[in-house]
Amino acid sequence: MVDAKGLGPAELLLASSVARRYYLDGRTKVEIGDEFRLSRFKVARVLETARSQGLVRIEIAHPGTLNLELSEQLRTAFHLRHAVVLDAADSHEASLRQHLGKAAAELLTEITTPEDVLGLAWARAVGAMATQLQSLPSIPVVQLTGAMYRSSGASTPVDDGNSIDVVREVARVTRGPAHLFFAPFLVQDAATARAMRRQPEVARALAEIAHVTLAVAGIGCWERGQSTLYDAASDADRTALARQGVCADVGGVFIAADGTPLQTSLNDRMVGIDATQMAAVDQVLAIAYGLGKRRAVLAAVRSGLVKSVVTHASLASALLAEADRAELS
């Protein structure tokens, strides 16, 4: 009896056994030849047969679930410095966020230099990254955004972690100074925001934003459940910004669908980095997830503010499809 690949049962068994010893057990061709009473040249021919008949498939391995092809395609299509795309399941948001946080931590460890000043904008994904950092150079860490609350008048942070906790967590890893401040990200009116920005400890921390060379942020989509800023804003604010064309927010910087940064009435009530300051940062790394945010992520990379992206395969594929459609139109 001969199988579909044209090998008889004895040949199939021999090829399988030789391949297992060579590729899995690490045996040499001479050792295998001695066991099966074959010359090393015959062993080489059997191994070639195993490969050509599909018994052995040779792949270029890479750590974790990194999708090398999609990563390079995304980097090239959007002229990014770094693009890291994971083959991670996107059915469970919390799990996906942890996977992306780990990948972002690894990338940050690789690209951070002792001359950098690291800025952190609050986002759940940035928090996930902070808890998985193992080592960084001894550099300053700067808080870029105030604490995010469930609504502009609430007293409970969005998550157990907030921007202050994230900065402290990362500063423990860097063993450098932590420039942080105690203030909400979004307040009720512009006068309150101005007063908070003038407070000495807040003003000192905000002044450090000018020195930031590398920043990490999340990307929000201006829709319910897709942005913590959207969910914290009032219905009137949401409507006003939607009419103005807001599509995305990156660390509190609002962006139109074509990538244009927008100054909105909400910015006057926020304590944190602004569009001009973000544009001056040499590299902004954004952690993006969720297919529902694809328009927002596309806007963010089009803006030129975001220089590097960590994301997952389904979102990367959607972004590349959008890029292809743009070229055809």
Foldseek 3Di string as FASTA:
>chain_A
DADPLGDDPVLVVLLLVLLCCVPPVVDQLPVSCVVVVHDSVVSVVSPVVCVVSVVDDDDDDDPDFWDVVLFVLLCVLLVFPGETAGQDDFPDPVVQLLVLLLVVLVVCQVPADLQAEEEEFDDVSLQSNLVNHQAHAQHEYAYFFEFFCQAQPDDDGPDPDTSVNSQVSNCVRNVYHYLDDHDHFFHDALVVQVVRCPDVSLVVRQVCLLRGQEYEWEKAFLDPPRDSVNSHYDPVQSVVVVVVQFTMATSNFTFHLQQHTDDDRRNSRGRGDYPVSLQSHNAYEYEYEDLVNLSRVLSNSSNVSHRYYYYYDVSSVVNVVVSVVVVVD
